PDB file of N, CA and C in Angstrom:
ATOM      1  N   MET A   1      87.150 107.364  70.285  1.00  0.00           N
ATOM      2  CA  MET A   1      86.983 106.888  71.381  1.00  0.00           C
ATOM      3  C   MET A   1      86.297 106.026  71.478  1.00  0.00           C
ATOM      4  N   SER A   2      86.774 104.889  71.787  1.00  0.00           N
ATOM      5  CA  SER A   2      85.293 103.790  72.306  1.00  0.00           C
ATOM      6  C   SER A   2      85.073 103.850  73.492  1.00  0.00           C
ATOM      7  N   SER A   3      83.878 102.636  73.890  1.00  0.00           N
ATOM      8  CA  SER A   3      83.039 102.992  74.718  1.00  0.00           C
ATOM      9  C   SER A   3      83.535 102.521  75.814  1.00  0.00           C
ATOM     10  N   SER A   4      84.888 101.749  75.321  1.00  0.00           N
ATOM     11  CA  SER A   4      85.332 100.863  76.745  1.00  0.00           C
ATOM     12  C   SER A   4      86.885 101.714  77.317  1.00  0.00           C
ATOM     13  N   ASP A   5      87.059 102.599  76.292  1.00  0.00           N
ATOM     14  CA  ASP A   5      88.186 103.810  76.838  1.00  0.00           C
ATOM     15  C   ASP A   5      87.209 104.991  78.520  1.00  0.00           C
ATOM     16  N   GLU A   6      86.180 104.702  77.609  1.00  0.00           N
ATOM     17  CA  GLU A   6      84.965 105.849  78.669  1.00  0.00           C
ATOM     18  C   GLU A   6      85.023 105.432  79.601  1.00  0.00           C
ATOM     19  N   ASN A   7      85.268 103.595  79.900  1.00  0.00           N
ATOM     20  CA  ASN A   7      84.046 103.162  80.918  1.00  0.00           C
ATOM     21  C   ASN A   7      85.823 102.463  81.476  1.00  0.00           C
ATOM     22  N   LYS A   8      86.932 102.856  81.710  1.00  0.00           N
ATOM     23  CA  LYS A   8      88.031 102.154  82.438  1.00  0.00           C
ATOM     24  C   LYS A   8      87.993 103.474  83.466  1.00  0.00           C
ATOM     25  N   PRO A   9      88.213 102.586  85.406  1.00  0.00           N
ATOM     26  CA  PRO A   9      88.018 103.019  86.421  1.00  0.00           C
ATOM     27  C   PRO A   9      89.666 104.080  86.131  1.00  0.00           C
ATOM     28  N   SER A  10      89.742 105.008  87.071  1.00  0.00           N
ATOM     29  CA  SER A  10      90.520 105.552  87.077  1.00  0.00           C
ATOM     30  C   SER A  10      91.330 105.971  88.827  1.00  0.00           C
ATOM     31  N   PHE A  11      91.998 104.933  88.831  1.00  0.00           N
ATOM     32  CA  PHE A  11      92.872 104.748  89.979  1.00  0.00           C
ATOM     33  C   PHE A  11      93.620 106.614  90.792  1.00  0.00           C
ATOM     34  N   GLY A  12      93.757 107.146  90.328  1.00  0.00           N
ATOM     35  CA  GLY A  12      94.520 108.520  90.212  1.00  0.00           C
ATOM     36  C   GLY A  12      95.750 108.381  90.118  1.00  0.00           C
ATOM     37  N   ASN A  13      96.670 109.206  91.110  1.00  0.00           N
ATOM     38  CA  ASN A  13      97.591 109.533  90.646  1.00  0.00           C
ATOM     39  C   ASN A  13      99.044 108.142  91.545  1.00  0.00           C
ATOM     40  N   PRO A  14      99.109 107.114  90.605  1.00  0.00           N
ATOM     41  CA  PRO A  14      99.666 105.623  91.375  1.00  0.00           C
ATOM     42  C   PRO A  14     100.441 105.883  92.000  1.00  0.00           C
ATOM     43  N   ILE A  15     101.288 106.565  91.987  1.00  0.00           N
ATOM     44  CA  ILE A  15     102.968 106.945  92.869  1.00  0.00           C
ATOM     45  C   ILE A  15     102.214 107.473  94.042  1.00  0.00           C
ATOM     46  N   VAL A  16     100.977 108.294  94.376  1.00  0.00           N
ATOM     47  CA  VAL A  16     100.499 109.284  95.106  1.00  0.00           C
ATOM     48  C   VAL A  16      99.922 108.020  96.744  1.00  0.00           C
ATOM     49  N   ASN A  17      98.729 106.461  95.491  1.00  0.00           N
ATOM     50  CA  ASN A  17      98.764 105.653  95.915  1.00  0.00           C
ATOM     51  C   ASN A  17      99.602 105.065  97.131  1.00  0.00           C
ATOM     52  N   LEU A  18     100.335 104.738  96.307  1.00  0.00           N
ATOM     53  CA  LEU A  18     101.954 103.718  96.206  1.00  0.00           C
ATOM     54  C   LEU A  18     102.465 104.298  97.975  1.00  0.00           C
ATOM     55  N   LEU A  19     102.629 106.179  97.980  1.00  0.00           N
ATOM     56  CA  LEU A  19     103.430 106.705  98.834  1.00  0.00           C
ATOM     57  C   LEU A  19     102.484 106.974 100.014  1.00  0.00           C
ATOM     58  N   LEU A  20     101.068 106.898  99.899  1.00  0.00           N
ATOM     59  CA  LEU A  20     100.270 107.245 100.719  1.00  0.00           C
ATOM     60  C   LEU A  20      99.982 105.584 101.522  1.00  0.00           C
ATOM     61  N   THR A  21     100.393 104.915 100.564  1.00  0.00           N
ATOM     62  CA  THR A  21      99.885 103.321 101.269  1.00  0.00           C
ATOM     63  C   THR A  21     101.311 102.680 101.628  1.00  0.00           C
ATOM     64  N   GLY A  22     102.574 103.069 102.077  1.00  0.00           N
ATOM     65  CA  GLY A  22     104.029 102.831 102.898  1.00  0.00           C
ATOM     66  C   GLY A  22     103.315 104.480 103.594  1.00  0.00           C
ATOM     67  N   LEU A  23     102.975 105.076 103.680  1.00  0.00           N
ATOM     68  CA  LEU A  23     103.312 105.734 105.553  1.00  0.00           C
ATOM     69  C   LEU A  23     101.672 105.294 106.098  1.00  0.00           C
ATOM     70  N   VAL A  24     101.302 104.537 106.076  1.00  0.00           N
ATOM     71  CA  VAL A  24      99.981 103.693 106.533  1.00  0.00           C
ATOM     72  C   VAL A  24     100.901 102.242 106.984  1.00  0.00           C
ATOM     73  N   PHE A  25     101.592 101.680 106.502  1.00  0.00           N
ATOM     74  CA  PHE A  25     102.376 100.682 106.704  1.00  0.00           C
ATOM     75  C   PHE A  25     103.740 100.416 107.262  1.00  0.00           C
ATOM     76  N   LEU A  26     104.175 101.764 107.503  1.00  0.00           N
ATOM     77  CA  LEU A  26     105.033 102.248 108.480  1.00  0.00           C
ATOM     78  C   LEU A  26     104.325 102.505 109.710  1.00  0.00           C
ATOM     79  N   PHE A  27     102.991 103.869 109.710  1.00  0.00           N
ATOM     80  CA  PHE A  27     102.987 103.769 110.994  1.00  0.00           C
ATOM     81  C   PHE A  27     102.030 103.040 111.609  1.00  0.00           C
ATOM     82  N   PHE A  28     101.542 101.761 111.127  1.00  0.00           N
ATOM     83  CA  PHE A  28     100.898 100.774 112.037  1.00  0.00           C
ATOM     84  C   PHE A  28     102.320  99.285 112.181  1.00  0.00           C
ATOM     85  N   THR A  29     103.011  99.884 111.622  1.00  0.00           N
ATOM     86  CA  THR A  29     104.488  98.933 112.023  1.00  0.00           C
ATOM     87  C   THR A  29     104.355  99.530 113.398  1.00  0.00           C
ATOM     88  N   TRP A  30     104.931 100.670 113.546  1.00  0.00           N
ATOM     89  CA  TRP A  30     105.781 101.106 114.587  1.00  0.00           C
ATOM     90  C   TRP A  30     104.211 100.756 115.271  1.00  0.00           C
ATOM     91  N   LEU A  31     103.120 101.561 115.284  1.00  0.00           N
ATOM     92  CA  LEU A  31     102.260 101.620 116.795  1.00  0.00           C
ATOM     93  C   LEU A  31     101.531 100.292 116.770  1.00  0.00           C
ATOM     94  N   LEU A  32     102.374  98.738 116.093  1.00  0.00           N
ATOM     95  CA  LEU A  32     101.665  97.809 116.730  1.00  0.00           C
ATOM     96  C   LEU A  32     102.880  97.037 117.666  1.00  0.00           C
ATOM     97  N   ARG A  33     104.169  97.635 117.336  1.00  0.00           N
ATOM     98  CA  ARG A  33     105.286  97.040 117.772  1.00  0.00           C
ATOM     99  C   ARG A  33     105.176  96.916 119.654  1.00  0.00           C
ATOM    100  N   PRO A  34     104.618  97.288 120.186  1.00  0.00           N
ATOM    101  CA  PRO A  34     103.971  97.199 121.250  1.00  0.00           C
ATOM    102  C   PRO A  34     103.745  96.370 122.349  1.00  0.00           C
ATOM    103  N   TYR A  35     102.926  95.610 120.992  1.00  0.00           N
ATOM    104  CA  TYR A  35     101.555  94.713 120.933  1.00  0.00           C
ATOM    105  C   TYR A  35     101.741  93.555 121.188  1.00  0.00           C
ATOM    106  N   VAL A  36     103.035  93.454 120.385  1.00  0.00           N
ATOM    107  CA  VAL A  36     104.260  92.176 119.550  1.00  0.00           C
ATOM    108  C   VAL A  36     104.379  91.285 121.131  1.00  0.00           C
ATOM    109  N   PRO A  37     103.881  89.927 120.891  1.00  0.00           N
ATOM    110  CA  PRO A  37     104.539  88.933 122.032  1.00  0.00           C
ATOM    111  C   PRO A  37     105.866  88.340 121.614  1.00  0.00           C
ATOM    112  N   ALA A  38     106.910  89.621 121.649  1.00  0.00           N
ATOM    113  CA  ALA A  38     108.677  89.020 121.140  1.00  0.00           C
ATOM    114  C   ALA A  38     109.612  89.321 122.265  1.00  0.00           C
ATOM    115  N   GLU A  39     110.318  88.648 122.158  1.00  0.00           N
ATOM    116  CA  GLU A  39     111.940  88.087 123.334  1.00  0.00           C
ATOM    117  C   GLU A  39     112.158  89.824 122.555  1.00  0.00           C
ATOM    118  N   THR A  40     113.097  90.141 121.262  1.00  0.00           N
ATOM    119  CA  THR A  40     113.635  90.409 121.357  1.00  0.00           C
ATOM    120  C   THR A  40     112.831  91.685 120.343  1.00  0.00           C
ATOM    121  N   ALA A  41     114.230  92.509 119.718  1.00  0.00           N
ATOM    122  CA  ALA A  41     113.787  94.205 119.323  1.00  0.00           C
ATOM    123  C   ALA A  41     113.242  93.811 118.054  1.00  0.00           C
ATOM    124  N   LEU A  42     113.941  93.300 117.286  1.00  0.00           N
ATOM    125  CA  LEU A  42     114.009  92.450 116.021  1.00  0.00           C
ATOM    126  C   LEU A  42     112.935  92.016 115.297  1.00  0.00           C
ATOM    127  N   MET A  43     112.516  90.853 116.349  1.00  0.00           N
ATOM    128  CA  MET A  43     111.787  90.201 116.431  1.00  0.00           C
ATOM    129  C   MET A  43     109.985  90.994 116.216  1.00  0.00           C
ATOM    130  N   ARG A  44     109.968  92.003 117.320  1.00  0.00           N
ATOM    131  CA  ARG A  44     109.074  92.825 117.471  1.00  0.00           C
ATOM    132  C   ARG A  44     108.604  93.554 115.930  1.00  0.00           C
ATOM    133  N   TRP A  45     109.923  94.385 115.505  1.00  0.00           N
ATOM    134  CA  TRP A  45     109.423  95.357 114.534  1.00  0.00           C
ATOM    135  C   TRP A  45     109.665  94.783 113.079  1.00  0.00           C
ATOM    136  N   ALA A  46     109.555  92.530 113.051  1.00  0.00           N
ATOM    137  CA  ALA A  46     109.575  91.468 112.242  1.00  0.00           C
ATOM    138  C   ALA A  46     107.765  91.246 112.163  1.00  0.00           C
ATOM    139  N   PHE A  47     107.607  90.970 113.334  1.00  0.00           N
ATOM    140  CA  PHE A  47     105.635  90.586 113.747  1.00  0.00           C
ATOM    141  C   PHE A  47     104.906  91.457 113.319  1.00  0.00           C
ATOM    142  N   SER A  48     105.254  93.345 113.524  1.00  0.00           N
ATOM    143  CA  SER A  48     104.295  94.229 113.882  1.00  0.00           C
ATOM    144  C   SER A  48     104.135  94.259 112.307  1.00  0.00           C
ATOM    145  N   ALA A  49     105.148  93.975 111.440  1.00  0.00           N
ATOM    146  CA  ALA A  49     105.466  94.238 110.325  1.00  0.00           C
ATOM    147  C   ALA A  49     104.494  93.329 108.757  1.00  0.00           C
ATOM    148  N   PHE A  50     104.990  91.998 109.540  1.00  0.00           N
ATOM    149  CA  PHE A  50     104.568  91.118 109.216  1.00  0.00           C
ATOM    150  C   PHE A  50     102.733  91.045 109.139  1.00  0.00           C
ATOM    151  N   THR A  51     102.180  91.863 110.551  1.00  0.00           N
ATOM    152  CA  THR A  51     100.161  92.009 110.770  1.00  0.00           C
ATOM    153  C   THR A  51     100.300  93.305 110.237  1.00  0.00           C
ATOM    154  N   SER A  52     100.914  94.535 110.084  1.00  0.00           N
ATOM    155  CA  SER A  52     100.493  95.471 108.681  1.00  0.00           C
ATOM    156  C   SER A  52     100.775  95.099 107.405  1.00  0.00           C
ATOM    157  N   ILE A  53     101.098  94.453 106.859  1.00  0.00           N
ATOM    158  CA  ILE A  53     100.763  93.930 105.780  1.00  0.00           C
ATOM    159  C   ILE A  53      99.108  93.538 105.392  1.00  0.00           C
ATOM    160  N   THR A  54      99.296  93.539 106.221  1.00  0.00           N
ATOM    161  CA  THR A  54      97.517  93.107 105.798  1.00  0.00           C
ATOM    162  C   THR A  54      96.448  94.825 106.142  1.00  0.00           C
ATOM    163  N   LEU A  55      96.697  94.928 107.547  1.00  0.00           N
ATOM    164  CA  LEU A  55      95.976  96.804 107.340  1.00  0.00           C
ATOM    165  C   LEU A  55      96.488  97.295 106.254  1.00  0.00           C
ATOM    166  N   MET A  56      97.529  97.288 105.626  1.00  0.00           N
ATOM    167  CA  MET A  56      98.240  97.943 104.183  1.00  0.00           C
ATOM    168  C   MET A  56      97.510  97.693 102.986  1.00  0.00           C
ATOM    169  N   MET A  57      96.964  96.381 102.591  1.00  0.00           N
ATOM    170  CA  MET A  57      96.418  95.438 101.919  1.00  0.00           C
ATOM    171  C   MET A  57      95.037  96.288 101.704  1.00  0.00           C
ATOM    172  N   THR A  58      94.529  96.114 103.284  1.00  0.00           N
ATOM    173  CA  THR A  58      93.058  96.877 103.753  1.00  0.00           C
ATOM    174  C   THR A  58      93.598  98.419 102.777  1.00  0.00           C
ATOM    175  N   PHE A  59      93.471  99.194 103.079  1.00  0.00           N
ATOM    176  CA  PHE A  59      93.577 100.665 103.197  1.00  0.00           C
ATOM    177  C   PHE A  59      93.895 100.642 101.556  1.00  0.00           C
ATOM    178  N   TYR A  60      94.390  99.880 100.678  1.00  0.00           N
ATOM    179  CA  TYR A  60      95.491 100.246  99.381  1.00  0.00           C
ATOM    180  C   TYR A  60      93.912  99.935  98.721  1.00  0.00           C
ATOM    181  N   PHE A  61      93.139  99.252  98.494  1.00  0.00           N
ATOM    182  CA  PHE A  61      92.148  98.426  98.422  1.00  0.00           C
ATOM    183  C   PHE A  61      90.692  99.753  98.667  1.00  0.00           C
ATOM    184  N   ALA A  62      90.700 100.211  99.914  1.00  0.00           N
ATOM    185  CA  ALA A  62      89.844 101.256  99.956  1.00  0.00           C
ATOM    186  C   ALA A  62      90.281 102.442  99.589  1.00  0.00           C
ATOM    187  N   LEU A  63      91.272 102.707  99.659  1.00  0.00           N
ATOM    188  CA  LEU A  63      91.492 103.665  98.681  1.00  0.00           C
ATOM    189  C   LEU A  63      91.710 103.708  97.016  1.00  0.00           C
ATOM    190  N   ASN A  64      91.606 103.116  96.901  1.00  0.00           N
ATOM    191  CA  ASN A  64      91.333 102.404  95.066  1.00  0.00           C
ATOM    192  C   ASN A  64      89.702 102.701  94.760  1.00  0.00           C
ATOM    193  N   MET A  65      89.391 101.973  95.629  1.00  0.00           N
ATOM    194  CA  MET A  65      87.717 101.874  95.734  1.00  0.00           C
ATOM    195  C   MET A  65      87.206 103.291  95.453  1.00  0.00           C
ATOM    196  N   PHE A  66      87.958 103.911  97.132  1.00  0.00           N
ATOM    197  CA  PHE A  66      87.161 105.500  96.943  1.00  0.00           C
ATOM    198  C   PHE A  66      87.039 106.493  95.542  1.00  0.00           C
ATOM    199  N   ARG A  67      88.423 106.168  94.952  1.00  0.00           N
ATOM    200  CA  ARG A  67      89.047 106.808  94.266  1.00  0.00           C
ATOM    201  C   ARG A  67      87.696 106.694  93.236  1.00  0.00           C
ATOM    202  N   VAL A  68      87.858 105.290  92.590  1.00  0.00           N
ATOM    203  CA  VAL A  68      87.121 104.821  91.030  1.00  0.00           C
ATOM    204  C   VAL A  68      85.536 105.421  92.163  1.00  0.00           C
ATOM    205  N   THR A  69      84.897 105.138  93.234  1.00  0.00           N
ATOM    206  CA  THR A  69      83.502 105.726  93.244  1.00  0.00           C
ATOM    207  C   THR A  69      83.732 107.302  93.402  1.00  0.00           C
ATOM    208  N   LEU A  70      84.393 107.629  93.899  1.00  0.00           N
ATOM    209  CA  LEU A  70      84.461 109.157  93.673  1.00  0.00           C
ATOM    210  C   LEU A  70      84.804 109.850  91.986  1.00  0.00           C
ATOM    211  N   ASN A  71      85.589 109.395  91.248  1.00  0.00           N
ATOM    212  CA  ASN A  71      85.079 109.781  90.293  1.00  0.00           C
ATOM    213  C   ASN A  71      84.426 109.388  88.918  1.00  0.00           C
ATOM    214  N   ASP A  72      83.950 108.308  89.405  1.00  0.00           N
ATOM    215  CA  ASP A  72      82.405 107.836  89.090  1.00  0.00           C
ATOM    216  C   ASP A  72      81.487 109.307  89.615  1.00  0.00           C
ATOM    217  N   HIS A  73      81.743 109.360  90.451  1.00  0.00           N
ATOM    218  CA  HIS A  73      80.333 110.715  91.367  1.00  0.00           C
ATOM    219  C   HIS A  73      80.736 111.958  89.744  1.00  0.00           C
ATOM    220  N   LYS A  74      81.705 112.208  89.771  1.00  0.00           N
ATOM    221  CA  LYS A  74      82.388 113.610  88.987  1.00  0.00           C
ATOM    222  C   LYS A  74      81.487 113.497  87.866  1.00  0.00           C
ATOM    223  N   ASP A  75      82.420 112.565  87.383  1.00  0.00           N
ATOM    224  CA  ASP A  75      81.386 112.175  86.154  1.00  0.00           C
ATOM    225  C   ASP A  75      79.794 111.725  85.781  1.00  0.00           C
ATOM    226  N   ARG A  76      79.479 111.680  86.663  1.00  0.00           N
ATOM    227  CA  ARG A  76      77.574 111.342  86.533  1.00  0.00           C
ATOM    228  C   ARG A  76      77.561 112.805  86.435  1.00  0.00           C
ATOM    229  N   GLU A  77      77.995 113.638  87.962  1.00  0.00           N
ATOM    230  CA  GLU A  77      77.820 115.211  87.856  1.00  0.00           C
ATOM    231  C   GLU A  77      77.879 116.143  86.899  1.00  0.00           C
ATOM    232  N   SER A  78      79.033 115.914  86.019  1.00  0.00           N
ATOM    233  CA  SER A  78      79.698 116.796  85.191  1.00  0.00           C
ATOM    234  C   SER A  78      78.656 116.061  83.512  1.00  0.00           C
ATOM    235  N   ASN A  79      77.650 114.963  83.696  1.00  0.00           N
ATOM    236  CA  ASN A  79      77.342 114.771  82.283  1.00  0.00           C
ATOM    237  C   ASN A  79      75.847 115.490  82.712  1.00  0.00           C
ATOM    238  N   LYS A  80      75.294 115.947  83.768  1.00  0.00           N
ATOM    239  CA  LYS A  80      73.990 116.700  84.101  1.00  0.00           C
ATOM    240  C   LYS A  80      73.597 117.785  83.074  1.00  0.00           C
TER     241      LYS A  80
END
């Protein structure tokens, strides 16, 4: 095994990451719906979903950064 294979970051299970990210998207879409200044229900859902995309992306990047940091910490602890 080469050293480049050993240094690859691990993001955990991608299915779990996508499932959690999808749940965060649905939660923020539902949560932001009453705060959207739109007349129709369809426009409220659409604008709250559009706003939720940025929050979902922030959660996805933070989750992956946390998992990489946690795996690195576990590797360093096991090498002691």
